[in-house]
C-alpha atoms as a PDB file:
ATOM      1  CA  ALA A   1     -93.983  -0.100  51.507  1.00  0.00           C
ATOM      2  CA  ALA A   2     -94.083   0.887  48.203  1.00  0.00           C
ATOM      3  CA  ALA A   3     -91.155  -1.471  47.492  1.00  0.00           C
ATOM      4  CA  GLN A   4     -92.824  -4.351  49.287  1.00  0.00           C
ATOM      5  CA  GLY A   5     -95.951  -3.756  47.389  1.00  0.00           C
ATOM      6  CA  ALA A   6     -94.044  -3.601  44.011  1.00  0.00           C
ATOM      7  CA  ASP A   7     -92.543  -6.949  44.938  1.00  0.00           C
ATOM      8  CA  ALA A   8     -95.655  -8.725  45.974  1.00  0.00           C
ATOM      9  CA  GLY A   9     -97.282  -7.800  42.694  1.00  0.00           C
ATOM     10  CA  THR A  10     -94.290  -8.970  40.801  1.00  0.00           C
ATOM     11  CA  ALA A  11     -94.365 -12.335  42.736  1.00  0.00           C
ATOM     12  CA  ARG A  12     -98.308 -12.713  42.113  1.00  0.00           C
ATOM     13  CA  ASP A  13     -97.934 -12.030  38.362  1.00  0.00           C
ATOM     14  CA  LEU A  14     -94.885 -14.449  38.458  1.00  0.00           C
ATOM     15  CA  ALA A  15     -97.068 -17.144  40.043  1.00  0.00           C
ATOM     16  CA  SER A  16     -99.670 -16.390  37.784  1.00  0.00           C
ATOM     17  CA  ARG A  17     -97.602 -16.810  34.789  1.00  0.00           C
ATOM     18  CA  GLY A  18     -95.539 -19.926  35.892  1.00  0.00           C
ATOM     19  CA  ARG A  19     -98.847 -21.457  37.005  1.00  0.00           C
ATOM     20  CA  ALA A  20    -100.561 -21.069  33.520  1.00  0.00           C
ATOM     21  CA  ALA A  21     -97.072 -22.437  31.837  1.00  0.00           C
ATOM     22  CA  TYR A  22     -97.226 -25.547  34.202  1.00  0.00           C
ATOM     23  CA  ASP A  23    -100.810 -26.217  33.463  1.00  0.00           C
ATOM     24  CA  ARG A  24    -100.209 -26.568  30.087  1.00  0.00           C
ATOM     25  CA  GLY A  25     -97.035 -28.951  30.710  1.00  0.00           C
ATOM     26  CA  ASP A  26     -94.430 -26.383  29.728  1.00  0.00           C
ATOM     27  CA  PHE A  27     -92.099 -26.838  32.484  1.00  0.00           C
ATOM     28  CA  ALA A  28     -89.232 -25.450  31.294  1.00  0.00           C
ATOM     29  CA  THR A  29     -91.020 -21.834  31.353  1.00  0.00           C
ATOM     30  CA  GLY A  30     -93.111 -22.654  34.298  1.00  0.00           C
ATOM     31  CA  CYS A  31     -90.930 -24.223  37.084  1.00  0.00           C
ATOM     32  CA  PRO A  32     -88.314 -21.138  37.070  1.00  0.00           C
ATOM     33  CA  LEU A  33     -91.389 -18.332  37.309  1.00  0.00           C
ATOM     34  CA  LEU A  34     -92.692 -20.239  39.914  1.00  0.00           C
ATOM     35  CA  ASP A  35     -89.656 -20.477  41.686  1.00  0.00           C
ATOM     36  CA  GLU A  36     -88.821 -16.739  41.352  1.00  0.00           C
ATOM     37  CA  ALA A  37     -92.367 -15.728  42.599  1.00  0.00           C
ATOM     38  CA  TYR A  38     -92.000 -18.044  45.881  1.00  0.00           C
ATOM     39  CA  ARG A  39     -88.244 -16.676  46.423  1.00  0.00           C
ATOM     40  CA  ILE A  40     -89.368 -13.133  46.256  1.00  0.00           C
ATOM     41  CA  ASP A  41     -92.623 -13.863  48.347  1.00  0.00           C
ATOM     42  CA  GLY A  42     -92.423 -17.180  50.528  1.00  0.00           C
ATOM     43  CA  THR A  43     -95.868 -16.661  51.724  1.00  0.00           C
ATOM     44  CA  LEU A  44     -97.565 -17.558  48.109  1.00  0.00           C
ATOM     45  CA  LEU A  45     -98.174 -21.095  49.164  1.00  0.00           C
ATOM     46  CA  GLY A  46    -100.145 -21.855  46.124  1.00  0.00           C
ATOM     47  CA  ALA A  47     -96.902 -20.812  43.971  1.00  0.00           C
ATOM     48  CA  GLY A  48     -94.760 -22.959  46.423  1.00  0.00           C
ATOM     49  CA  PHE A  49     -96.991 -25.917  46.307  1.00  0.00           C
ATOM     50  CA  ALA A  50     -97.190 -25.549  42.154  1.00  0.00           C
ATOM     51  CA  LEU A  51     -93.230 -25.234  42.587  1.00  0.00           C
ATOM     52  CA  ALA A  52     -92.808 -28.645  44.184  1.00  0.00           C
ATOM     53  CA  GLU A  53     -95.294 -30.204  41.929  1.00  0.00           C
ATOM     54  CA  CYS A  54     -93.189 -28.812  39.135  1.00  0.00           C
ATOM     55  CA  ARG A  55     -89.749 -30.140  40.517  1.00  0.00           C
ATOM     56  CA  GLU A  56     -91.583 -33.301  40.987  1.00  0.00           C
ATOM     57  CA  LYS A  57     -92.499 -33.693  37.215  1.00  0.00           C
ATOM     58  CA  GLU A  58     -88.727 -32.512  36.518  1.00  0.00           C
ATOM     59  CA  GLY A  59     -87.520 -35.522  38.465  1.00  0.00           C
ATOM     60  CA  LYS A  60     -85.792 -33.396  40.872  1.00  0.00           C
ATOM     61  CA  LEU A  61     -87.289 -35.204  43.709  1.00  0.00           C
ATOM     62  CA  ALA A  62     -85.219 -34.170  46.653  1.00  0.00           C
ATOM     63  CA  THR A  63     -85.950 -30.411  45.794  1.00  0.00           C
ATOM     64  CA  ALA A  64     -89.786 -31.316  45.466  1.00  0.00           C
ATOM     65  CA  HIS A  65     -89.841 -33.346  48.523  1.00  0.00           C
ATOM     66  CA  ARG A  66     -88.189 -30.444  50.658  1.00  0.00           C
ATOM     67  CA  THR A  67     -90.396 -27.523  48.832  1.00  0.00           C
ATOM     68  CA  PHE A  68     -93.644 -29.768  50.012  1.00  0.00           C
ATOM     69  CA  LEU A  69     -92.430 -30.232  53.902  1.00  0.00           C
ATOM     70  CA  GLU A  70     -91.761 -26.337  53.688  1.00  0.00           C
ATOM     71  CA  ILE A  71     -95.143 -25.812  52.428  1.00  0.00           C
ATOM     72  CA  ALA A  72     -96.673 -28.156  54.884  1.00  0.00           C
ATOM     73  CA  SER A  73     -94.944 -26.228  57.874  1.00  0.00           C
ATOM     74  CA  LYS A  74     -96.103 -22.703  56.693  1.00  0.00           C
ATOM     75  CA  ALA A  75     -99.460 -23.773  56.046  1.00  0.00           C
ATOM     76  CA  GLU A  76     -99.541 -25.822  59.373  1.00  0.00           C
ATOM     77  CA  ALA A  77     -98.605 -22.362  60.912  1.00  0.00           C
ATOM     78  CA  ARG A  78    -101.655 -20.644  59.246  1.00  0.00           C
ATOM     79  CA  GLY A  79    -103.762 -23.133  60.134  1.00  0.00           C
ATOM     80  CA  GLU A  80    -104.551 -24.011  56.267  1.00  0.00           C
ATOM     81  CA  GLU A  81    -105.897 -27.934  55.230  1.00  0.00           C
ATOM     82  CA  ARG A  82    -103.179 -27.223  52.537  1.00  0.00           C
ATOM     83  CA  ALA A  83    -100.617 -28.590  55.112  1.00  0.00           C
ATOM     84  CA  VAL A  84    -102.118 -32.304  55.410  1.00  0.00           C
ATOM     85  CA  GLU A  85    -101.824 -32.300  51.662  1.00  0.00           C
ATOM     86  CA  ALA A  86     -98.631 -31.311  51.097  1.00  0.00           C
ATOM     87  CA  LYS A  87     -97.067 -33.824  54.085  1.00  0.00           C
ATOM     88  CA  ALA A  88     -99.109 -36.584  52.395  1.00  0.00           C
ATOM     89  CA  ARG A  89     -97.110 -35.622  49.016  1.00  0.00           C
ATOM     90  CA  ALA A  90     -93.856 -35.594  50.857  1.00  0.00           C
ATOM     91  CA  ALA A  91     -94.536 -39.067  52.126  1.00  0.00           C
ATOM     92  CA  ALA A  92     -95.453 -40.214  49.095  1.00  0.00           C
ATOM     93  CA  LEU A  93     -91.882 -39.033  47.754  1.00  0.00           C
ATOM     94  CA  GLU A  94     -90.026 -40.608  50.611  1.00  0.00           C
ATOM     95  CA  PRO A  95     -89.073 -44.024  49.215  1.00  0.00           C
ATOM     96  CA  ARG A  96     -88.272 -42.503  45.620  1.00  0.00           C
ATOM     97  CA  LEU A  97     -85.718 -40.469  46.904  1.00  0.00           C
ATOM     98  CA  PRO A  98     -82.057 -40.860  45.693  1.00  0.00           C
ATOM     99  CA  ARG A  99     -79.812 -40.353  48.657  1.00  0.00           C
ATOM    100  CA  LEU A 100     -76.034 -39.639  48.964  1.00  0.00           C
ATOM    101  CA  ARG A 101     -73.657 -40.761  51.498  1.00  0.00           C
ATOM    102  CA  VAL A 102     -70.195 -39.073  51.710  1.00  0.00           C
ATOM    103  CA  ASP A 103     -68.125 -40.923  54.013  1.00  0.00           C
ATOM    104  CA  VAL A 104     -64.843 -38.975  55.384  1.00  0.00           C
ATOM    105  CA  SER A 105     -61.960 -41.186  56.817  1.00  0.00           C
ATOM    106  CA  GLU A 106     -60.558 -40.660  60.439  1.00  0.00           C
ATOM    107  CA  ALA A 107     -57.578 -39.043  58.961  1.00  0.00           C
ATOM    108  CA  ALA A 108     -59.550 -36.813  56.945  1.00  0.00           C
ATOM    109  CA  ALA A 109     -61.687 -35.962  59.948  1.00  0.00           C
ATOM    110  CA  ARG A 110     -58.967 -34.650  61.785  1.00  0.00           C
ATOM    111  CA  VAL A 111     -58.030 -32.067  59.145  1.00  0.00           C
ATOM    112  CA  VAL A 112     -59.617 -28.902  59.991  1.00  0.00           C
ATOM    113  CA  ASP A 113     -58.992 -27.123  56.862  1.00  0.00           C
ATOM    114  CA  LEU A 114     -60.016 -30.002  54.672  1.00  0.00           C
ATOM    115  CA  GLU A 115     -63.074 -28.702  52.421  1.00  0.00           C
ATOM    116  CA  VAL A 116     -65.560 -31.253  51.225  1.00  0.00           C
ATOM    117  CA  THR A 117     -67.835 -30.220  48.455  1.00  0.00           C
ATOM    118  CA  VAL A 118     -71.027 -31.980  46.829  1.00  0.00           C
ATOM    119  CA  ASP A 119     -71.837 -29.971  42.980  1.00  0.00           C
ATOM    120  CA  GLY A 120     -69.361 -27.302  44.056  1.00  0.00           C
ATOM    121  CA  ARG A 121     -71.255 -26.514  47.700  1.00  0.00           C
ATOM    122  CA  PRO A 122     -69.964 -27.284  51.205  1.00  0.00           C
ATOM    123  CA  TRP A 123     -70.648 -30.574  52.555  1.00  0.00           C
ATOM    124  CA  PRO A 124     -71.560 -30.376  56.330  1.00  0.00           C
ATOM    125  CA  ARG A 125     -69.100 -32.271  58.501  1.00  0.00           C
ATOM    126  CA  ALA A 126     -72.094 -33.046  60.615  1.00  0.00           C
ATOM    127  CA  ALA A 127     -73.648 -34.951  57.326  1.00  0.00           C
ATOM    128  CA  SER A 128     -70.711 -37.245  57.234  1.00  0.00           C
ATOM    129  CA  GLY A 129     -71.517 -40.980  56.964  1.00  0.00           C
ATOM    130  CA  VAL A 130     -75.292 -39.740  56.837  1.00  0.00           C
ATOM    131  CA  ALA A 131     -77.400 -40.598  53.356  1.00  0.00           C
ATOM    132  CA  GLU A 132     -79.014 -37.520  52.230  1.00  0.00           C
ATOM    133  CA  PRO A 133     -81.419 -36.970  49.927  1.00  0.00           C
ATOM    134  CA  VAL A 134     -80.365 -35.191  46.552  1.00  0.00           C
ATOM    135  CA  ASP A 135     -81.773 -34.775  43.071  1.00  0.00           C
ATOM    136  CA  GLY A 136     -81.340 -37.974  40.979  1.00  0.00           C
ATOM    137  CA  GLY A 137     -78.740 -38.152  38.104  1.00  0.00           C
ATOM    138  CA  SER A 138     -75.002 -37.341  38.309  1.00  0.00           C
ATOM    139  CA  HIS A 139     -73.473 -35.529  41.391  1.00  0.00           C
ATOM    140  CA  GLU A 140     -69.837 -34.524  41.903  1.00  0.00           C
ATOM    141  CA  VAL A 141     -67.848 -35.366  45.222  1.00  0.00           C
ATOM    142  CA  ALA A 142     -64.890 -33.246  45.671  1.00  0.00           C
ATOM    143  CA  ALA A 143     -62.440 -32.597  48.718  1.00  0.00           C
ATOM    144  CA  SER A 144     -59.753 -30.317  48.536  1.00  0.00           C
ATOM    145  CA  LEU A 145     -56.933 -28.282  50.835  1.00  0.00           C
ATOM    146  CA  PRO A 146     -55.541 -24.831  50.767  1.00  0.00           C
ATOM    147  CA  ARG A 147     -52.454 -26.299  49.203  1.00  0.00           C
ATOM    148  CA  GLY A 148     -51.721 -29.556  47.772  1.00  0.00           C
ATOM    149  CA  PRO A 149     -53.987 -31.517  45.302  1.00  0.00           C
ATOM    150  CA  ALA A 150     -57.790 -31.788  44.860  1.00  0.00           C
ATOM    151  CA  TRP A 151     -59.559 -34.923  44.494  1.00  0.00           C
ATOM    152  CA  SER A 152     -63.272 -35.566  42.839  1.00  0.00           C
ATOM    153  CA  THR A 153     -65.137 -38.314  41.823  1.00  0.00           C
ATOM    154  CA  ARG A 154     -68.780 -38.211  40.051  1.00  0.00           C
ATOM    155  CA  VAL A 155     -71.399 -40.813  41.426  1.00  0.00           C
ATOM    156  CA  GLU A 156     -74.849 -41.635  39.618  1.00  0.00           C
ATOM    157  CA  ALA A 157     -77.910 -41.196  41.989  1.00  0.00           C
ATOM    158  CA  PRO A 158     -80.831 -43.335  40.604  1.00  0.00           C
ATOM    159  CA  GLU A 159     -84.506 -42.801  41.881  1.00  0.00           C
ATOM    160  CA  GLY A 160     -84.698 -44.942  45.170  1.00  0.00           C
ATOM    161  CA  ALA A 161     -81.122 -45.987  45.967  1.00  0.00           C
ATOM    162  CA  THR A 162     -78.478 -44.612  48.403  1.00  0.00           C
ATOM    163  CA  VAL A 163     -75.016 -44.388  46.694  1.00  0.00           C
ATOM    164  CA  GLY A 164     -71.957 -43.018  48.499  1.00  0.00           C
ATOM    165  CA  ALA A 165     -68.316 -41.988  48.062  1.00  0.00           C
ATOM    166  CA  ALA A 166     -65.417 -42.220  50.620  1.00  0.00           C
ATOM    167  CA  VAL A 167     -62.838 -39.086  50.855  1.00  0.00           C
ATOM    168  CA  PRO A 168     -59.409 -41.025  50.701  1.00  0.00           C
ATOM    169  CA  PHE A 169     -57.413 -38.523  52.367  1.00  0.00           C
ATOM    170  CA  GLN A 170     -54.315 -39.513  54.030  1.00  0.00           C
ATOM    171  CA  ARG A 171     -51.787 -37.207  55.554  1.00  0.00           C
ATOM    172  CA  ALA A 172     -47.821 -38.071  54.654  1.00  0.00           C
ATOM    173  CA  THR A 173     -44.857 -37.185  56.994  1.00  0.00           C
ATOM    174  CA  SER A 174     -42.991 -36.563  54.234  1.00  0.00           C
ATOM    175  CA  SER A 175     -43.148 -36.901  49.895  1.00  0.00           C
ATOM    176  CA  SER A 176     -41.221 -40.003  50.390  1.00  0.00           C
ATOM    177  CA  SER A 177     -43.946 -41.577  52.246  1.00  0.00           C
ATOM    178  CA  ALA A 178     -46.741 -41.014  49.910  1.00  0.00           C
ATOM    179  CA  PRO A 179     -48.366 -44.209  48.722  1.00  0.00           C
ATOM    180  CA  THR A 180     -48.128 -45.468  45.409  1.00  0.00           C
ATOM    181  CA  ALA A 181     -50.484 -47.338  42.932  1.00  0.00           C
ATOM    182  CA  PRO A 182     -50.045 -48.569  39.672  1.00  0.00           C
ATOM    183  CA  THR A 183     -51.176 -46.532  36.637  1.00  0.00           C
ATOM    184  CA  THR A 184     -54.314 -47.527  35.269  1.00  0.00           C
ATOM    185  CA  PRO A 185     -56.833 -45.469  32.784  1.00  0.00           C
ATOM    186  CA  GLN A 186     -58.850 -44.723  35.699  1.00  0.00           C
ATOM    187  CA  ALA A 187     -55.854 -43.750  38.412  1.00  0.00           C
ATOM    188  CA  GLU A 188     -52.323 -41.866  38.015  1.00  0.00           C
ATOM    189  CA  ALA A 189     -50.176 -42.174  40.793  1.00  0.00           C
ATOM    190  CA  THR A 190     -47.550 -39.393  41.615  1.00  0.00           C
ATOM    191  CA  GLY A 191     -45.609 -38.525  44.503  1.00  0.00           C
ATOM    192  CA  GLY A 192     -44.319 -35.333  45.920  1.00  0.00           C
ATOM    193  CA  SER A 193     -47.206 -34.305  47.783  1.00  0.00           C
ATOM    194  CA  ASP A 194     -47.546 -33.411  51.373  1.00  0.00           C
ATOM    195  CA  PHE A 195     -51.298 -34.241  51.203  1.00  0.00           C
ATOM    196  CA  PRO A 196     -51.877 -37.577  49.040  1.00  0.00           C
ATOM    197  CA  TRP A 197     -55.029 -39.108  48.341  1.00  0.00           C
ATOM    198  CA  ALA A 198     -55.112 -42.860  49.046  1.00  0.00           C
ATOM    199  CA  THR A 199     -57.371 -45.503  47.044  1.00  0.00           C
ATOM    200  CA  ALA A 200     -60.685 -45.503  47.665  1.00  0.00           C
ATOM    201  CA  GLY A 201     -64.002 -46.990  46.903  1.00  0.00           C
ATOM    202  CA  LEU A 202     -67.555 -45.996  46.081  1.00  0.00           C
ATOM    203  CA  VAL A 203     -70.460 -47.297  48.319  1.00  0.00           C
ATOM    204  CA  THR A 204     -73.785 -47.740  47.128  1.00  0.00           C
ATOM    205  CA  GLY A 205     -77.339 -49.207  47.786  1.00  0.00           C
ATOM    206  CA  GLY A 206     -80.389 -50.653  46.631  1.00  0.00           C
ATOM    207  CA  VAL A 207     -83.334 -49.722  44.575  1.00  0.00           C
ATOM    208  CA  GLY A 208     -86.343 -51.134  45.541  1.00  0.00           C
ATOM    209  CA  GLY A 209     -86.110 -55.073  45.673  1.00  0.00           C
ATOM    210  CA  GLY A 210     -83.103 -54.955  43.723  1.00  0.00           C
ATOM    211  CA  CYS A 211     -79.838 -53.268  44.004  1.00  0.00           C
ATOM    212  CA  VAL A 212     -77.648 -50.690  42.089  1.00  0.00           C
ATOM    213  CA  GLY A 213     -74.100 -51.946  41.703  1.00  0.00           C
ATOM    214  CA  LEU A 214     -71.361 -49.283  41.046  1.00  0.00           C
ATOM    215  CA  GLY A 215     -68.007 -49.962  41.600  1.00  0.00           C
ATOM    216  CA  VAL A 216     -65.006 -46.952  41.115  1.00  0.00           C
ATOM    217  CA  VAL A 217     -61.246 -46.877  42.033  1.00  0.00           C
ATOM    218  CA  LEU A 218     -59.934 -44.106  43.041  1.00  0.00           C
ATOM    219  CA  GLY A 219     -56.143 -43.307  42.799  1.00  0.00           C
ATOM    220  CA  LEU A 220     -53.619 -40.746  43.770  1.00  0.00           C
ATOM    221  CA  VAL A 221     -53.921 -37.172  42.369  1.00  0.00           C
ATOM    222  CA  ALA A 222     -51.094 -34.597  42.177  1.00  0.00           C
ATOM    223  CA  LYS A 223     -52.913 -31.492  40.154  1.00  0.00           C
ATOM    224  CA  GLY A 224     -56.312 -30.850  39.466  1.00  0.00           C
ATOM    225  CA  SER A 225     -58.823 -33.614  39.754  1.00  0.00           C
ATOM    226  CA  TYR A 226     -60.224 -36.635  37.979  1.00  0.00           C
ATOM    227  CA  ASP A 227     -63.746 -38.320  37.531  1.00  0.00           C
ATOM    228  CA  SER A 228     -64.217 -41.991  37.705  1.00  0.00           C
ATOM    229  CA  ALA A 229     -67.540 -43.719  36.771  1.00  0.00           C
ATOM    230  CA  ALA A 230     -68.403 -46.986  37.109  1.00  0.00           C
END
């Protein structure tokens, strides 16, 4: 009980300092303090709401959207009017959210030990082909196997756009059957792997009434990974 009380006191202190920094426009100081306060004590909905606002100011719209929805759910369970405002703030962010779609080929989907990650975090197979909200900016999409080469590419996710990357895995029956591609500054083909990566394209969506065009050609990789950008 004493430890819990100390944690609660620490969380309230962090929330107070974080809110003060946020109010004076010091997001670099305020956001981490609010984040830590809310992590320690998830019942501090005021700190959580301020954290969501802070993330929105930083341009981390998906994180802000997710936090507003979480606050709305908790506030609703407690019968607080804050739930209405939190839902409204989340809804206002919806059209601005960048979204990322990772397409896994049929061949790749049949490989049990294939791991797909986005920014180093596992991307659930259930999310394959589904555009999920992400914070804006550059994101690394990677795929790897316990043995054989890894593959990766980077995609830029502008505000309001849906972008995607295709995992181009193909299982070869022998090293001689590995596909080949011409060597370019962006793509280097090498043979000798039972787990080659095929050529793939990057899929993009539109922003508002216009479109964001990103084109990426991915080659074969035998060692390490490579990045390609439009």
